[in-house]
Amino acid sequence: MMSIGNLGFQPVYIVSGLLVGLLVGLTGVGGGSLMTPLLVMLFGFHPATAVGTDLLFAAVTKTAGTTIHSVGKTVDWVIVRRLAMGSVPATILCLIALAYAGSANKAMTDLISAVLGISLLLSAASLLFKTQILHFITRRYPDFGATTSLRLTVLTGAVLGVLVCLSSVGAGALGTVALIILYPRQPMVRIVGSDIAHAVPLTLLAGLGHWILGTVNLPLVGQLLFGSIPGIIIGSVTARYAPDKLLKICLGVILAIVGFRMLMK
């Protein structure tokens, strides 16, 4: 495993950030689903270090996305507050548990790897079968969440808080699917904007917690951002010309394979 110590200038990390940013811009898939397994399986970082580093990386990139959505008035701050009511305390409790158990502890390392694998499989399912899932639920429960959206949204936030704290995966694809089910009458752009806005305090809180625990590689964060920011811009600009459905199918299959490999480690 790579250490958490300082890194020199490594073009490979910048290129990795560029490629992940490009895919995020093209497909909207959360960077955590791509960056964290990349750091673990390709570059050999400890799972806790990969998660903590990706959380601060995500906090910066999602702040930019939230700014754009906020200016365009496509953020429902009521939904964001409800999600945060569940995710913030869940994240704090999860960080306390990590501090108590020790992130380098083998049992905790195995838990992080398992949660990461499961989160990747769930993200893959949301990419590959999103339409079928939504059709099934909305057909059988057309008003699902309409009368109990507060309680269910807080619960969703708590689940996302634990998943993100342990794996850095879940705030994107899974959060979006959950919000579509809970708020079927909301325009899609407001669902996406609200999910991104909620991810900022969630990833920042979890990332700072990991930094305090010593599981964040700040030089690596900088190099990843150096590549990912132009990648996201390029991907977003060219997204209208890309075969969106084909890209998401390919990504879904890749995430499923990586998720199974994480579970088999």
Protein backbone atom coordinates (compact mmCIF):
# COMPACT_ATOMS: atom_id res chain seq x y z
CA MET A 1 0.00 0.00 0.00
CA MET A 2 1.15 3.55 -0.67
CA SER A 3 1.81 5.70 2.34
CA ILE A 4 -0.01 8.87 3.24
CA GLY A 5 3.20 10.85 3.09
CA ASN A 6 3.90 13.74 0.74
CA LEU A 7 3.86 13.07 -2.97
CA GLY A 8 6.09 14.63 -5.53
CA PHE A 9 4.74 15.89 -8.84
CA GLN A 10 3.07 12.87 -10.46
CA PRO A 11 1.57 13.49 -13.92
CA VAL A 12 -0.29 10.16 -13.69
CA TYR A 13 -2.52 11.55 -10.92
CA ILE A 14 -3.27 14.68 -12.95
CA VAL A 15 -4.17 12.52 -15.96
CA SER A 16 -6.37 10.34 -13.73
CA GLY A 17 -8.14 13.45 -12.45
CA LEU A 18 -8.61 14.65 -16.01
CA LEU A 19 -10.15 11.34 -17.14
CA VAL A 20 -12.46 11.08 -14.12
CA GLY A 21 -13.50 14.72 -14.53
CA LEU A 22 -14.19 14.11 -18.21
CA LEU A 23 -16.45 11.13 -17.41
CA VAL A 24 -18.24 13.07 -14.66
CA GLY A 25 -18.87 15.92 -17.07
CA LEU A 26 -20.09 13.56 -19.79
CA THR A 27 -22.34 11.34 -17.69
CA GLY A 28 -22.99 13.10 -14.37
CA VAL A 29 -21.79 10.00 -12.49
CA GLY A 30 -20.30 10.89 -9.12
CA GLY A 31 -16.52 11.10 -9.01
CA GLY A 32 -16.38 8.92 -5.89
CA SER A 33 -17.71 5.95 -7.86
CA LEU A 34 -14.73 6.32 -10.18
CA MET A 35 -11.90 7.94 -8.22
CA THR A 36 -11.94 5.90 -5.00
CA PRO A 37 -11.68 2.44 -6.62
CA LEU A 38 -9.07 3.87 -9.00
CA LEU A 39 -6.90 5.00 -6.08
CA VAL A 40 -7.30 1.65 -4.30
CA MET A 41 -7.03 -0.84 -7.15
CA LEU A 42 -4.72 0.91 -9.62
CA PHE A 43 -2.46 3.02 -7.39
CA GLY A 44 -2.52 0.86 -4.27
CA PHE A 45 -3.63 3.44 -1.71
CA HIS A 46 -5.06 2.23 1.58
CA PRO A 47 -8.89 2.20 1.32
CA ALA A 48 -9.27 4.73 4.16
CA THR A 49 -6.77 7.10 2.48
CA ALA A 50 -8.54 6.74 -0.88
CA VAL A 51 -11.91 7.51 0.73
CA GLY A 52 -10.68 10.50 2.75
CA THR A 53 -8.76 11.98 -0.17
CA ASP A 54 -11.69 11.58 -2.54
CA LEU A 55 -14.08 13.21 -0.05
CA LEU A 56 -12.13 16.49 0.02
CA PHE A 57 -11.65 16.24 -3.75
CA ALA A 58 -15.44 15.85 -4.14
CA ALA A 59 -16.21 18.73 -1.76
CA VAL A 60 -14.32 21.15 -4.03
CA THR A 61 -15.77 19.89 -7.31
CA LYS A 62 -19.35 19.76 -5.97
CA THR A 63 -19.03 23.29 -4.58
CA ALA A 64 -18.50 24.50 -8.15
CA GLY A 65 -21.54 22.52 -9.31
CA THR A 66 -23.68 23.87 -6.47
CA THR A 67 -22.72 27.44 -7.34
CA ILE A 68 -23.92 26.94 -10.90
CA HIS A 69 -27.20 25.33 -9.81
CA SER A 70 -27.77 27.98 -7.13
CA VAL A 71 -27.36 30.81 -9.62
CA GLY A 72 -29.83 29.05 -11.90
CA LYS A 73 -32.26 28.63 -8.97
CA THR A 74 -32.33 24.84 -9.42
CA VAL A 75 -31.69 23.91 -5.78
CA ASP A 76 -34.55 23.07 -3.41
CA TRP A 77 -33.04 24.08 -0.07
CA VAL A 78 -35.90 22.43 1.86
CA ILE A 79 -34.85 19.05 0.45
CA VAL A 80 -31.20 19.85 1.16
CA ARG A 81 -31.98 20.68 4.82
CA ARG A 82 -34.01 17.49 5.24
CA LEU A 83 -31.20 15.36 3.85
CA ALA A 84 -28.66 17.16 6.06
CA MET A 85 -30.81 16.49 9.15
CA GLY A 86 -30.05 12.82 8.63
CA SER A 87 -26.62 12.87 6.99
CA VAL A 88 -24.78 15.26 9.33
CA PRO A 89 -25.37 13.36 12.61
CA ALA A 90 -24.90 10.01 10.82
CA THR A 91 -21.57 11.19 9.40
CA ILE A 92 -20.38 12.47 12.79
CA LEU A 93 -21.27 9.17 14.46
CA CYS A 94 -19.54 7.25 11.67
CA LEU A 95 -16.37 9.35 12.06
CA ILE A 96 -16.40 8.77 15.83
CA ALA A 97 -16.66 5.03 15.20
CA LEU A 98 -13.74 5.23 12.74
CA ALA A 99 -11.65 7.14 15.29
CA TYR A 100 -12.49 4.65 18.02
CA ALA A 101 -11.81 1.54 15.93
CA GLY A 102 -8.83 2.97 14.05
CA SER A 103 -8.94 3.35 10.27
CA ALA A 104 -5.82 1.15 9.89
CA ASN A 105 -7.44 -1.66 11.86
CA LYS A 106 -7.83 -4.73 9.63
CA ALA A 107 -11.49 -5.18 10.55
CA MET A 108 -12.20 -1.53 9.71
CA THR A 109 -10.21 -1.79 6.47
CA ASP A 110 -12.26 -4.84 5.49
CA LEU A 111 -15.47 -2.99 6.40
CA ILE A 112 -14.51 0.03 4.26
CA SER A 113 -13.66 -2.25 1.33
CA ALA A 114 -16.96 -4.12 1.72
CA VAL A 115 -19.05 -0.93 1.94
CA LEU A 116 -17.18 0.46 -1.07
CA GLY A 117 -17.91 -2.70 -3.06
CA ILE A 118 -21.60 -2.69 -2.12
CA SER A 119 -21.90 1.04 -2.87
CA LEU A 120 -20.34 0.51 -6.30
CA LEU A 121 -22.77 -2.33 -7.06
CA LEU A 122 -25.72 -0.16 -6.00
CA SER A 123 -24.41 2.71 -8.15
CA ALA A 124 -24.03 0.32 -11.09
CA ALA A 125 -27.61 -0.89 -10.61
CA SER A 126 -28.88 2.71 -10.50
CA LEU A 127 -27.08 3.41 -13.78
CA LEU A 128 -28.12 0.24 -15.60
CA PHE A 129 -31.68 -0.15 -14.29
CA LYS A 130 -32.69 3.37 -13.23
CA THR A 131 -35.64 3.57 -15.63
CA GLN A 132 -36.98 0.15 -14.64
CA ILE A 133 -36.61 0.88 -10.92
CA LEU A 134 -38.42 4.21 -11.17
CA HIS A 135 -41.15 2.78 -13.42
CA PHE A 136 -41.80 -0.11 -11.00
CA ILE A 137 -42.05 2.12 -7.93
CA THR A 138 -44.05 4.94 -9.51
CA ARG A 139 -46.49 2.44 -11.08
CA ARG A 140 -47.12 0.54 -7.85
CA TYR A 141 -46.79 3.50 -5.46
CA PRO A 142 -47.67 6.65 -7.45
CA ASP A 143 -47.71 8.85 -4.33
CA PHE A 144 -44.79 7.19 -2.57
CA GLY A 145 -43.17 9.70 -0.24
CA ALA A 146 -45.77 12.38 -0.84
CA THR A 147 -47.15 12.25 2.70
CA THR A 148 -44.05 11.03 4.54
CA SER A 149 -41.31 12.77 2.57
CA LEU A 150 -39.80 14.50 5.63
CA ARG A 151 -39.19 11.30 7.59
CA LEU A 152 -38.06 9.31 4.56
CA THR A 153 -35.77 12.11 3.35
CA VAL A 154 -34.08 12.36 6.76
CA LEU A 155 -33.65 8.57 6.75
CA THR A 156 -32.22 8.73 3.22
CA GLY A 157 -29.77 11.39 4.37
CA ALA A 158 -28.65 9.18 7.28
CA VAL A 159 -28.02 6.22 4.96
CA LEU A 160 -26.10 8.42 2.51
CA GLY A 161 -24.06 9.86 5.39
CA VAL A 162 -22.84 6.41 6.46
CA LEU A 163 -22.19 5.25 2.89
CA VAL A 164 -20.27 8.40 1.97
CA CYS A 165 -18.25 8.44 5.20
CA LEU A 166 -17.12 4.84 4.72
CA SER A 167 -16.80 4.69 0.94
CA SER A 168 -17.15 8.24 -0.52
CA VAL A 169 -19.72 6.67 -2.88
CA GLY A 170 -23.47 7.22 -2.82
CA ALA A 171 -24.14 10.95 -2.76
CA GLY A 172 -24.47 11.08 -6.56
CA ALA A 173 -26.27 8.25 -8.33
CA LEU A 174 -27.97 6.75 -5.27
CA GLY A 175 -29.02 10.13 -3.87
CA THR A 176 -30.54 11.18 -7.18
CA VAL A 177 -32.58 7.98 -7.56
CA ALA A 178 -33.84 8.26 -3.95
CA LEU A 179 -34.93 11.88 -4.45
CA ILE A 180 -36.73 11.08 -7.71
CA ILE A 181 -38.72 8.42 -5.84
CA LEU A 182 -39.45 10.70 -2.86
CA TYR A 183 -40.24 13.83 -4.91
CA PRO A 184 -41.69 12.59 -8.22
CA ARG A 185 -43.28 15.97 -8.98
CA GLN A 186 -40.01 17.89 -8.76
CA PRO A 187 -38.32 18.78 -12.08
CA MET A 188 -35.26 16.63 -12.74
CA VAL A 189 -32.94 19.64 -12.78
CA ARG A 190 -33.99 20.57 -9.22
CA ILE A 191 -33.50 16.97 -8.07
CA VAL A 192 -29.95 16.97 -9.44
CA GLY A 193 -29.22 20.46 -8.12
CA SER A 194 -30.50 19.58 -4.64
CA ASP A 195 -28.51 16.34 -4.56
CA ILE A 196 -25.29 18.14 -5.53
CA ALA A 197 -25.93 20.92 -2.99
CA HIS A 198 -26.44 18.36 -0.20
CA ALA A 199 -23.23 16.57 -1.20
CA VAL A 200 -21.13 19.68 -0.43
CA PRO A 201 -21.58 19.79 3.38
CA LEU A 202 -21.69 15.99 3.49
CA THR A 203 -18.39 15.42 1.67
CA LEU A 204 -16.74 18.41 3.36
CA LEU A 205 -17.70 17.24 6.85
CA ALA A 206 -16.66 13.65 6.13
CA GLY A 207 -13.48 14.81 4.38
CA LEU A 208 -12.44 17.07 7.27
CA GLY A 209 -13.14 14.21 9.66
CA HIS A 210 -10.88 11.91 7.66
CA TRP A 211 -8.23 14.67 7.56
CA ILE A 212 -8.30 14.87 11.37
CA LEU A 213 -7.96 11.07 11.46
CA GLY A 214 -4.92 11.34 9.17
CA THR A 215 -6.46 9.57 6.18
CA VAL A 216 -6.25 12.38 3.62
CA ASN A 217 -3.36 12.94 1.22
CA LEU A 218 -3.54 16.70 0.53
CA PRO A 219 -0.87 16.79 -2.22
CA LEU A 220 -2.83 14.07 -4.01
CA VAL A 221 -6.05 16.11 -3.67
CA GLY A 222 -4.31 19.07 -5.34
CA GLN A 223 -3.00 17.03 -8.26
CA LEU A 224 -6.34 15.33 -8.84
CA LEU A 225 -8.14 18.69 -8.85
CA PHE A 226 -5.55 20.12 -11.26
CA GLY A 227 -6.64 17.52 -13.81
CA SER A 228 -10.31 17.10 -12.97
CA ILE A 229 -11.46 20.73 -13.18
CA PRO A 230 -10.60 21.13 -16.89
CA GLY A 231 -11.86 17.56 -17.44
CA ILE A 232 -15.29 18.39 -16.00
CA ILE A 233 -15.47 21.56 -18.11
CA ILE A 234 -14.55 19.70 -21.32
CA GLY A 235 -16.93 16.85 -20.51
CA SER A 236 -19.82 19.19 -19.72
CA VAL A 237 -19.33 21.14 -22.95
CA THR A 238 -19.14 18.02 -25.14
CA ALA A 239 -21.84 16.03 -23.29
CA ARG A 240 -24.52 16.96 -25.82
CA TYR A 241 -22.54 15.24 -28.59
CA ALA A 242 -21.67 12.07 -26.62
CA PRO A 243 -23.65 8.78 -26.72
CA ASP A 244 -24.97 9.26 -23.17
CA LYS A 245 -26.84 5.95 -22.91
CA LEU A 246 -23.92 3.88 -24.19
CA LEU A 247 -21.48 5.63 -21.85
CA LYS A 248 -23.68 5.00 -18.82
CA ILE A 249 -24.11 1.33 -19.72
CA CYS A 250 -20.33 0.93 -20.05
CA LEU A 251 -19.76 2.75 -16.76
CA GLY A 252 -22.41 0.66 -15.03
CA VAL A 253 -20.75 -2.56 -16.16
CA ILE A 254 -17.31 -1.28 -15.08
CA LEU A 255 -18.62 -0.23 -11.64
CA ALA A 256 -20.27 -3.64 -11.19
CA ILE A 257 -17.03 -5.47 -12.04
CA VAL A 258 -14.98 -3.24 -9.72
CA GLY A 259 -17.59 -3.60 -6.97
CA PHE A 260 -17.41 -7.39 -7.15
CA ARG A 261 -13.61 -7.25 -7.11
CA MET A 262 -13.66 -5.05 -4.00
CA LEU A 263 -15.93 -7.58 -2.26
CA MET A 264 -13.67 -10.47 -3.27
CA LYS A 265 -10.48 -8.86 -1.87
